[in-house]
Amino acid sequence: QVQLVESGGGLAHPGGSLRLSCDASGVIFSMYTMNWYRQAPGKQRVLVAALTSGGSAVYPDSVKGRFTISRDNAKNTVYLQMNVLKPEDTAVYYCNARAIRTSANYWGQGTQVTVSS
């Protein structure tokens, strides 16, 4: 059974950093693309980082060069390192696991990130 649990959110100042973690129990990384999404109040949920089963990372322009997605296979954990944070990064961040060969798609409960001075 797949369960995704995010942690590491909180309050950061503009220019600061946070690292989010996603404990991905039951996920076999070779069978899933792991993603981080965010949803700001009143806005749609959008992708901020994707990590393929082969280890390739993709980012939208809004976070490219500031955010880094990675995984620790031994700990079955996915991370999102966020640097040079901006107020517009404020959102609830969600971990997502999307199966490569089936329609399986799992979400975590989300973790709040607030960037404010």
Protein backbone atom coordinates (compact mmCIF):
# COMPACT_ATOMS: atom_id res chain seq x y z
CA GLN A 1 0.00 0.00 0.00
CA VAL A 2 1.38 3.40 -1.02
CA GLN A 3 1.45 6.21 1.49
CA LEU A 4 3.05 9.61 0.96
CA VAL A 5 3.79 11.79 3.98
CA GLU A 6 5.28 15.26 3.53
CA SER A 7 7.22 17.19 6.13
CA GLY A 8 9.52 20.18 6.35
CA GLY A 9 7.17 23.01 5.56
CA GLY A 10 7.01 26.17 7.58
CA LEU A 11 7.82 29.85 7.53
CA ALA A 12 10.82 31.22 5.66
CA HIS A 13 12.02 34.74 4.91
CA PRO A 14 12.47 35.89 1.33
CA GLY A 15 15.82 34.64 0.11
CA GLY A 16 15.79 31.79 2.60
CA SER A 17 15.68 28.05 2.14
CA LEU A 18 13.55 25.09 3.14
CA ARG A 19 13.82 21.39 2.43
CA LEU A 20 10.67 19.35 2.07
CA SER A 21 10.67 15.59 2.55
CA CYS A 22 8.25 12.99 1.27
CA ASP A 23 8.29 9.62 2.98
CA ALA A 24 7.12 7.39 0.13
CA SER A 25 6.30 4.08 1.76
CA GLY A 26 5.21 1.35 -0.63
CA VAL A 27 6.65 3.17 -3.67
CA ILE A 28 9.15 1.40 -5.88
CA PHE A 29 10.97 4.32 -7.47
CA SER A 30 11.75 2.38 -10.65
CA MET A 31 8.01 2.13 -11.30
CA TYR A 32 7.00 5.72 -10.54
CA THR A 33 7.64 9.30 -11.50
CA MET A 34 7.87 11.33 -8.31
CA ASN A 35 6.58 14.88 -8.38
CA TRP A 36 6.14 17.92 -6.22
CA TYR A 37 3.15 20.17 -6.84
CA ARG A 38 2.00 23.32 -5.10
CA GLN A 39 -1.31 25.06 -4.73
CA ALA A 40 -1.64 28.66 -3.68
CA PRO A 41 -4.95 30.00 -2.31
CA GLY A 42 -7.47 30.44 -5.09
CA LYS A 43 -5.16 28.93 -7.71
CA GLN A 44 -4.79 25.58 -9.44
CA ARG A 45 -2.35 22.97 -8.32
CA VAL A 46 0.79 23.21 -10.46
CA LEU A 47 3.85 21.07 -10.95
CA VAL A 48 7.09 22.46 -9.51
CA ALA A 49 9.43 19.48 -9.90
CA ALA A 50 9.40 16.02 -11.43
CA LEU A 51 11.88 13.17 -11.07
CA THR A 52 11.68 10.29 -13.50
CA SER A 53 12.39 6.71 -12.55
CA GLY A 54 15.69 7.08 -14.38
CA GLY A 55 16.68 10.06 -12.26
CA SER A 56 16.06 12.92 -14.69
CA ALA A 57 14.62 16.10 -13.18
CA VAL A 58 12.31 18.62 -14.80
CA TYR A 59 11.33 22.04 -13.50
CA PRO A 60 9.12 24.88 -14.71
CA ASP A 61 10.82 28.20 -15.36
CA SER A 62 9.30 29.67 -12.20
CA VAL A 63 11.54 27.54 -9.96
CA LYS A 64 14.37 26.46 -12.26
CA GLY A 65 17.74 27.15 -10.67
CA ARG A 66 16.19 27.58 -7.21
CA PHE A 67 14.49 24.23 -6.51
CA THR A 68 16.07 20.79 -6.64
CA ILE A 69 14.26 17.46 -6.45
CA SER A 70 16.15 14.39 -5.33
CA ARG A 71 15.55 11.01 -3.78
CA ASP A 72 17.22 8.67 -1.33
CA ASN A 73 16.54 5.11 -2.45
CA ALA A 74 17.68 3.62 0.85
CA LYS A 75 15.24 5.77 2.82
CA ASN A 76 12.49 5.68 0.17
CA THR A 77 12.27 9.44 0.52
CA VAL A 78 11.98 12.24 -2.01
CA TYR A 79 13.19 15.74 -1.23
CA LEU A 80 12.55 19.21 -2.54
CA GLN A 81 15.32 21.65 -1.71
CA MET A 82 14.02 25.18 -2.13
CA ASN A 83 16.48 28.06 -2.18
CA VAL A 84 16.15 31.80 -2.76
CA LEU A 85 12.53 31.59 -1.70
CA LYS A 86 10.12 34.28 -2.82
CA PRO A 87 6.74 35.35 -1.40
CA GLU A 88 5.12 33.89 -4.51
CA ASP A 89 6.40 30.45 -3.49
CA THR A 90 3.86 30.50 -0.66
CA ALA A 91 1.56 27.53 -1.13
CA VAL A 92 0.65 24.09 0.10
CA TYR A 93 3.18 21.65 -1.37
CA TYR A 94 2.11 18.13 -2.29
CA CYS A 95 4.12 15.03 -3.01
CA ASN A 96 2.80 12.90 -5.87
CA ALA A 97 3.66 9.43 -7.14
CA ARG A 98 2.48 8.56 -10.64
CA ALA A 99 2.93 5.01 -11.88
CA ILE A 100 4.66 4.60 -15.21
CA ARG A 101 2.71 1.61 -16.53
CA THR A 102 -0.63 1.83 -14.73
CA SER A 103 -3.13 4.54 -13.83
CA ALA A 104 -2.06 4.55 -10.19
CA ASN A 105 -1.64 8.09 -8.87
CA TYR A 106 -1.06 8.92 -5.23
CA TRP A 107 -0.98 12.16 -3.24
CA GLY A 108 0.29 13.19 0.13
CA GLN A 109 -1.67 15.38 2.51
CA GLY A 110 0.39 18.49 1.76
CA THR A 111 2.63 20.74 3.78
CA GLN A 112 2.29 24.51 4.07
CA VAL A 113 5.16 26.75 2.97
CA THR A 114 4.90 30.45 3.78
CA VAL A 115 7.49 32.95 2.57
CA SER A 116 7.16 36.27 4.28
CA SER A 117 9.26 38.94 5.93
